[in-house]
Amino acid sequence: GLTQAEADPDTLFAGRVASYERYQGEK
């Protein structure tokens, strides 16, 4: 919640944490 919450309160589909998870796998 602290690091991966959406910056935009009106985001239609939350994607920040999904991007983070994919990045960690790729890394």
PDB file of all heavy atoms in Angstrom:
ATOM      1  N   GLY A   1       0.809  -1.215   0.000  1.00  0.00           N
ATOM      2  CA  GLY A   1       0.000   0.000   0.000  1.00  0.00           C
ATOM      3  C   GLY A   1       0.837   1.257   0.000  1.00  0.00           C
ATOM      4  O   GLY A   1       0.481   2.269  -0.620  1.00  0.00           O
ATOM      5  N   LEU A   2       1.977   1.203   0.678  1.00  0.00           N
ATOM      6  CA  LEU A   2       2.849   2.365   0.762  1.00  0.00           C
ATOM      7  C   LEU A   2       3.577   2.635  -0.549  1.00  0.00           C
ATOM      8  O   LEU A   2       3.728   3.794  -0.958  1.00  0.00           O
ATOM      9  CB  LEU A   2       3.867   2.158   1.886  1.00  0.00           C
ATOM     10  CG  LEU A   2       4.891   3.274   2.108  1.00  0.00           C
ATOM     11  CD1 LEU A   2       4.203   4.535   2.605  1.00  0.00           C
ATOM     12  CD2 LEU A   2       5.968   2.811   3.096  1.00  0.00           C
ATOM     13  N   THR A   3       4.026   1.577  -1.218  1.00  0.00           N
ATOM     14  CA  THR A   3       4.909   1.769  -2.373  1.00  0.00           C
ATOM     15  C   THR A   3       4.237   1.572  -3.729  1.00  0.00           C
ATOM     16  O   THR A   3       4.749   2.066  -4.740  1.00  0.00           O
ATOM     17  CB  THR A   3       6.100   0.799  -2.290  1.00  0.00           C
ATOM     18  OG1 THR A   3       5.616  -0.558  -2.354  1.00  0.00           O
ATOM     19  CG2 THR A   3       6.881   1.009  -1.008  1.00  0.00           C
ATOM     20  N   GLN A   4       3.099   0.868  -3.781  1.00  0.00           N
ATOM     21  CA  GLN A   4       2.533   0.513  -5.079  1.00  0.00           C
ATOM     22  C   GLN A   4       1.101   1.004  -5.290  1.00  0.00           C
ATOM     23  O   GLN A   4       0.436   0.582  -6.240  1.00  0.00           O
ATOM     24  CB  GLN A   4       2.573  -1.017  -5.269  1.00  0.00           C
ATOM     25  CG  GLN A   4       3.954  -1.620  -5.170  1.00  0.00           C
ATOM     26  CD  GLN A   4       4.936  -1.000  -6.147  1.00  0.00           C
ATOM     27  OE1 GLN A   4       4.581  -0.711  -7.287  1.00  0.00           O
ATOM     28  NE2 GLN A   4       6.165  -0.790  -5.700  1.00  0.00           N
ATOM     29  N   ALA A   5       0.624   1.870  -4.430  1.00  0.00           N
ATOM     30  CA  ALA A   5      -0.722   2.425  -4.625  1.00  0.00           C
ATOM     31  C   ALA A   5      -0.752   3.323  -5.862  1.00  0.00           C
ATOM     32  O   ALA A   5       0.251   3.952  -6.226  1.00  0.00           O
ATOM     33  CB  ALA A   5      -1.142   3.216  -3.387  1.00  0.00           C
ATOM     34  N   GLU A   6      -1.897   3.388  -6.510  1.00  0.00           N
ATOM     35  CA  GLU A   6      -2.049   4.236  -7.695  1.00  0.00           C
ATOM     36  C   GLU A   6      -1.964   5.713  -7.310  1.00  0.00           C
ATOM     37  O   GLU A   6      -2.559   6.141  -6.319  1.00  0.00           O
ATOM     38  CB  GLU A   6      -3.393   3.962  -8.373  1.00  0.00           C
ATOM     39  CG  GLU A   6      -3.552   2.538  -8.886  1.00  0.00           C
ATOM     40  CD  GLU A   6      -2.580   2.210  -9.992  1.00  0.00           C
ATOM     41  OE1 GLU A   6      -2.244   3.118 -10.788  1.00  0.00           O
ATOM     42  OE2 GLU A   6      -2.140   1.044 -10.073  1.00  0.00           O
ATOM     43  N   ALA A   7      -1.227   6.477  -8.086  1.00  0.00           N
ATOM     44  CA  ALA A   7      -1.124   7.913  -7.826  1.00  0.00           C
ATOM     45  C   ALA A   7      -2.413   8.646  -8.178  1.00  0.00           C
ATOM     46  O   ALA A   7      -2.765   9.642  -7.543  1.00  0.00           O
ATOM     47  CB  ALA A   7       0.047   8.492  -8.616  1.00  0.00           C
ATOM     48  N   ASP A   8      -3.120   8.157  -9.179  1.00  0.00           N
ATOM     49  CA  ASP A   8      -4.357   8.780  -9.650  1.00  0.00           C
ATOM     50  C   ASP A   8      -5.555   8.126  -8.958  1.00  0.00           C
ATOM     51  O   ASP A   8      -5.827   6.941  -9.172  1.00  0.00           O
ATOM     52  CB  ASP A   8      -4.479   8.621 -11.160  1.00  0.00           C
ATOM     53  CG  ASP A   8      -5.726   9.291 -11.724  1.00  0.00           C
ATOM     54  OD1 ASP A   8      -6.528   9.832 -10.936  1.00  0.00           O
ATOM     55  OD2 ASP A   8      -5.891   9.249 -12.957  1.00  0.00           O
ATOM     56  N   PRO A   9      -6.304   8.856  -8.123  1.00  0.00           N
ATOM     57  CA  PRO A   9      -7.439   8.245  -7.420  1.00  0.00           C
ATOM     58  C   PRO A   9      -8.555   7.804  -8.364  1.00  0.00           C
ATOM     59  O   PRO A   9      -9.409   7.005  -7.974  1.00  0.00           O
ATOM     60  CB  PRO A   9      -7.918   9.357  -6.476  1.00  0.00           C
ATOM     61  CG  PRO A   9      -7.452  10.620  -7.115  1.00  0.00           C
ATOM     62  CD  PRO A   9      -6.150  10.281  -7.773  1.00  0.00           C
ATOM     63  N   ASP A  10      -8.564   8.294  -9.608  1.00  0.00           N
ATOM     64  CA  ASP A  10      -9.605   7.936 -10.572  1.00  0.00           C
ATOM     65  C   ASP A  10      -9.140   6.912 -11.595  1.00  0.00           C
ATOM     66  O   ASP A  10      -9.756   6.749 -12.658  1.00  0.00           O
ATOM     67  CB  ASP A  10     -10.078   9.200 -11.301  1.00  0.00           C
ATOM     68  CG  ASP A  10     -10.762  10.184 -10.372  1.00  0.00           C
ATOM     69  OD1 ASP A  10     -11.445   9.720  -9.432  1.00  0.00           O
ATOM     70  OD2 ASP A  10     -10.594  11.396 -10.559  1.00  0.00           O
ATOM     71  N   THR A  11      -8.066   6.201 -11.294  1.00  0.00           N
ATOM     72  CA  THR A  11      -7.569   5.180 -12.218  1.00  0.00           C
ATOM     73  C   THR A  11      -8.656   4.157 -12.508  1.00  0.00           C
ATOM     74  O   THR A  11      -9.301   3.630 -11.593  1.00  0.00           O
ATOM     75  CB  THR A  11      -6.347   4.463 -11.611  1.00  0.00           C
ATOM     76  OG1 THR A  11      -5.319   5.422 -11.403  1.00  0.00           O
ATOM     77  CG2 THR A  11      -5.847   3.368 -12.521  1.00  0.00           C
ATOM     78  N   LEU A  12      -8.861   3.858 -13.788  1.00  0.00           N
ATOM     79  CA  LEU A  12      -9.905   2.904 -14.176  1.00  0.00           C
ATOM     80  C   LEU A  12      -9.483   1.476 -13.868  1.00  0.00           C
ATOM     81  O   LEU A  12     -10.243   0.697 -13.288  1.00  0.00           O
ATOM     82  CB  LEU A  12     -10.220   3.053 -15.668  1.00  0.00           C
ATOM     83  CG  LEU A  12     -11.364   2.181 -16.208  1.00  0.00           C
ATOM     84  CD1 LEU A  12     -12.667   2.495 -15.467  1.00  0.00           C
ATOM     85  CD2 LEU A  12     -11.529   2.408 -17.709  1.00  0.00           C
ATOM     86  N   PHE A  13      -8.249   1.122 -14.231  1.00  0.00           N
ATOM     87  CA  PHE A  13      -7.718  -0.212 -13.937  1.00  0.00           C
ATOM     88  C   PHE A  13      -6.371  -0.031 -13.233  1.00  0.00           C
ATOM     89  O   PHE A  13      -5.457   0.566 -13.797  1.00  0.00           O
ATOM     90  CB  PHE A  13      -7.516  -1.035 -15.213  1.00  0.00           C
ATOM     91  CG  PHE A  13      -8.788  -1.340 -15.935  1.00  0.00           C
ATOM     92  CD1 PHE A  13      -9.097  -0.682 -17.113  1.00  0.00           C
ATOM     93  CD2 PHE A  13      -9.686  -2.276 -15.437  1.00  0.00           C
ATOM     94  CE1 PHE A  13     -10.276  -0.952 -17.789  1.00  0.00           C
ATOM     95  CE2 PHE A  13     -10.859  -2.549 -16.104  1.00  0.00           C
ATOM     96  CZ  PHE A  13     -11.162  -1.891 -17.283  1.00  0.00           C
ATOM     97  N   ALA A  14      -6.285  -0.563 -12.022  1.00  0.00           N
ATOM     98  CA  ALA A  14      -5.035  -0.443 -11.263  1.00  0.00           C
ATOM     99  C   ALA A  14      -3.940  -1.246 -11.956  1.00  0.00           C
ATOM    100  O   ALA A  14      -4.094  -2.446 -12.182  1.00  0.00           O
ATOM    101  CB  ALA A  14      -5.240  -0.936  -9.837  1.00  0.00           C
ATOM    102  N   GLY A  15      -2.849  -0.603 -12.300  1.00  0.00           N
ATOM    103  CA  GLY A  15      -1.794  -1.292 -13.028  1.00  0.00           C
ATOM    104  C   GLY A  15      -0.411  -1.137 -12.452  1.00  0.00           C
ATOM    105  O   GLY A  15       0.524  -1.818 -12.877  1.00  0.00           O
ATOM    106  N   ARG A  16      -0.255  -0.251 -11.474  1.00  0.00           N
ATOM    107  CA  ARG A  16       1.088   0.011 -10.970  1.00  0.00           C
ATOM    108  C   ARG A  16       1.699  -1.233 -10.318  1.00  0.00           C
ATOM    109  O   ARG A  16       2.848  -1.599 -10.595  1.00  0.00           O
ATOM    110  CB  ARG A  16       1.055   1.161  -9.970  1.00  0.00           C
ATOM    111  CG  ARG A  16       2.430   1.540  -9.447  1.00  0.00           C
ATOM    112  CD  ARG A  16       2.383   2.739  -8.526  1.00  0.00           C
ATOM    113  NE  ARG A  16       3.721   3.089  -8.067  1.00  0.00           N
ATOM    114  CZ  ARG A  16       3.985   4.061  -7.210  1.00  0.00           C
ATOM    115  NH1 ARG A  16       3.002   4.804  -6.731  1.00  0.00           N
ATOM    116  NH2 ARG A  16       5.230   4.309  -6.840  1.00  0.00           N
ATOM    117  N   VAL A  17       0.938  -1.903  -9.478  1.00  0.00           N
ATOM    118  CA  VAL A  17       1.486  -3.066  -8.791  1.00  0.00           C
ATOM    119  C   VAL A  17       1.694  -4.220  -9.765  1.00  0.00           C
ATOM    120  O   VAL A  17       2.634  -5.014  -9.628  1.00  0.00           O
ATOM    121  CB  VAL A  17       0.597  -3.481  -7.598  1.00  0.00           C
ATOM    122  CG1 VAL A  17      -0.706  -4.132  -8.063  1.00  0.00           C
ATOM    123  CG2 VAL A  17       1.364  -4.423  -6.661  1.00  0.00           C
ATOM    124  N   ALA A  18       0.828  -4.310 -10.786  1.00  0.00           N
ATOM    125  CA  ALA A  18       1.018  -5.356 -11.795  1.00  0.00           C
ATOM    126  C   ALA A  18       2.339  -5.144 -12.529  1.00  0.00           C
ATOM    127  O   ALA A  18       3.097  -6.098 -12.781  1.00  0.00           O
ATOM    128  CB  ALA A  18      -0.144  -5.350 -12.781  1.00  0.00           C
ATOM    129  N   SER A  19       2.620  -3.901 -12.865  1.00  0.00           N
ATOM    130  CA  SER A  19       3.875  -3.588 -13.528  1.00  0.00           C
ATOM    131  C   SER A  19       5.059  -3.932 -12.632  1.00  0.00           C
ATOM    132  O   SER A  19       6.082  -4.459 -13.098  1.00  0.00           O
ATOM    133  CB  SER A  19       3.905  -2.102 -13.899  1.00  0.00           C
ATOM    134  OG  SER A  19       5.149  -1.738 -14.441  1.00  0.00           O
ATOM    135  N   TYR A  20       4.912  -3.659 -11.344  1.00  0.00           N
ATOM    136  CA  TYR A  20       5.981  -3.946 -10.384  1.00  0.00           C
ATOM    137  C   TYR A  20       6.251  -5.450 -10.302  1.00  0.00           C
ATOM    138  O   TYR A  20       7.410  -5.888 -10.299  1.00  0.00           O
ATOM    139  CB  TYR A  20       5.582  -3.400  -9.022  1.00  0.00           C
ATOM    140  CG  TYR A  20       6.548  -3.693  -7.904  1.00  0.00           C
ATOM    141  CD1 TYR A  20       7.762  -3.023  -7.826  1.00  0.00           C
ATOM    142  CD2 TYR A  20       6.234  -4.624  -6.918  1.00  0.00           C
ATOM    143  CE1 TYR A  20       8.651  -3.287  -6.787  1.00  0.00           C
ATOM    144  CE2 TYR A  20       7.112  -4.889  -5.876  1.00  0.00           C
ATOM    145  CZ  TYR A  20       8.315  -4.220  -5.825  1.00  0.00           C
ATOM    146  OH  TYR A  20       9.195  -4.482  -4.796  1.00  0.00           O
ATOM    147  N   GLU A  21       5.183  -6.242 -10.236  1.00  0.00           N
ATOM    148  CA  GLU A  21       5.352  -7.692 -10.153  1.00  0.00           C
ATOM    149  C   GLU A  21       6.051  -8.236 -11.398  1.00  0.00           C
ATOM    150  O   GLU A  21       6.950  -9.083 -11.315  1.00  0.00           O
ATOM    151  CB  GLU A  21       3.985  -8.368  -9.979  1.00  0.00           C
ATOM    152  CG  GLU A  21       3.365  -8.162  -8.614  1.00  0.00           C
ATOM    153  CD  GLU A  21       4.096  -8.912  -7.525  1.00  0.00           C
ATOM    154  OE1 GLU A  21       4.125 -10.156  -7.570  1.00  0.00           O
ATOM    155  OE2 GLU A  21       4.656  -8.257  -6.623  1.00  0.00           O
ATOM    156  N   ARG A  22       5.643  -7.761 -12.557  1.00  0.00           N
ATOM    157  CA  ARG A  22       6.275  -8.212 -13.800  1.00  0.00           C
ATOM    158  C   ARG A  22       7.742  -7.782 -13.858  1.00  0.00           C
ATOM    159  O   ARG A  22       8.609  -8.556 -14.292  1.00  0.00           O
ATOM    160  CB  ARG A  22       5.509  -7.679 -15.009  1.00  0.00           C
ATOM    161  CG  ARG A  22       4.156  -8.351 -15.195  1.00  0.00           C
ATOM    162  CD  ARG A  22       3.397  -7.824 -16.408  1.00  0.00           C
ATOM    163  NE  ARG A  22       2.125  -8.502 -16.545  1.00  0.00           N
ATOM    164  CZ  ARG A  22       1.956  -9.661 -17.195  1.00  0.00           C
ATOM    165  NH1 ARG A  22       2.995 -10.246 -17.769  1.00  0.00           N
ATOM    166  NH2 ARG A  22       0.780 -10.223 -17.264  1.00  0.00           N
ATOM    167  N   TYR A  23       7.995  -6.588 -13.385  1.00  0.00           N
ATOM    168  CA  TYR A  23       9.379  -6.097 -13.370  1.00  0.00           C
ATOM    169  C   TYR A  23      10.261  -6.983 -12.499  1.00  0.00           C
ATOM    170  O   TYR A  23      11.402  -7.307 -12.874  1.00  0.00           O
ATOM    171  CB  TYR A  23       9.406  -4.652 -12.861  1.00  0.00           C
ATOM    172  CG  TYR A  23      10.778  -4.179 -12.464  1.00  0.00           C
ATOM    173  CD1 TYR A  23      11.729  -3.846 -13.431  1.00  0.00           C
ATOM    174  CD2 TYR A  23      11.141  -4.067 -11.114  1.00  0.00           C
ATOM    175  CE1 TYR A  23      12.999  -3.420 -13.063  1.00  0.00           C
ATOM    176  CE2 TYR A  23      12.402  -3.643 -10.748  1.00  0.00           C
ATOM    177  CZ  TYR A  23      13.328  -3.322 -11.719  1.00  0.00           C
ATOM    178  OH  TYR A  23      14.589  -2.911 -11.362  1.00  0.00           O
ATOM    179  N   GLN A  24       9.759  -7.378 -11.337  1.00  0.00           N
ATOM    180  CA  GLN A  24      10.562  -8.197 -10.440  1.00  0.00           C
ATOM    181  C   GLN A  24      10.880  -9.558 -11.055  1.00  0.00           C
ATOM    182  O   GLN A  24      11.983 -10.093 -10.883  1.00  0.00           O
ATOM    183  CB  GLN A  24       9.852  -8.364  -9.096  1.00  0.00           C
ATOM    184  CG  GLN A  24       9.772  -7.097  -8.269  1.00  0.00           C
ATOM    185  CD  GLN A  24      11.121  -6.582  -7.832  1.00  0.00           C
ATOM    186  OE1 GLN A  24      12.075  -7.337  -7.706  1.00  0.00           O
ATOM    187  NE2 GLN A  24      11.214  -5.281  -7.582  1.00  0.00           N
ATOM    188  N   GLY A  25       9.906 -10.143 -11.760  1.00  0.00           N
ATOM    189  CA  GLY A  25      10.173 -11.401 -12.451  1.00  0.00           C
ATOM    190  C   GLY A  25      11.207 -11.242 -13.549  1.00  0.00           C
ATOM    191  O   GLY A  25      12.147 -12.048 -13.678  1.00  0.00           O
ATOM    192  N   GLU A  26      11.041 -10.195 -14.345  1.00  0.00           N
ATOM    193  CA  GLU A  26      11.997  -9.917 -15.421  1.00  0.00           C
ATOM    194  C   GLU A  26      13.397  -9.671 -14.852  1.00  0.00           C
ATOM    195  O   GLU A  26      14.407 -10.116 -15.412  1.00  0.00           O
ATOM    196  CB  GLU A  26      11.544  -8.690 -16.216  1.00  0.00           C
ATOM    197  CG  GLU A  26      10.264  -8.880 -17.010  1.00  0.00           C
ATOM    198  CD  GLU A  26      10.515  -9.527 -18.360  1.00  0.00           C
ATOM    199  OE1 GLU A  26      11.703  -9.783 -18.671  1.00  0.00           O
ATOM    200  OE2 GLU A  26       9.542  -9.785 -19.073  1.00  0.00           O
ATOM    201  N   LYS A  27      13.461  -8.952 -13.769  1.00  0.00           N
ATOM    202  CA  LYS A  27      14.743  -8.577 -13.172  1.00  0.00           C
ATOM    203  C   LYS A  27      15.548  -9.815 -12.772  1.00  0.00           C
ATOM    204  O   LYS A  27      16.768  -9.880 -13.013  1.00  0.00           O
ATOM    205  CB  LYS A  27      14.489  -7.686 -11.958  1.00  0.00           C
ATOM    206  CG  LYS A  27      15.739  -7.203 -11.247  1.00  0.00           C
ATOM    207  CD  LYS A  27      15.346  -6.320 -10.060  1.00  0.00           C
ATOM    208  CE  LYS A  27      16.553  -5.882  -9.256  1.00  0.00           C
ATOM    209  NZ  LYS A  27      16.142  -5.071  -8.073  1.00  0.00           N
TER     210      LYS A  27
END
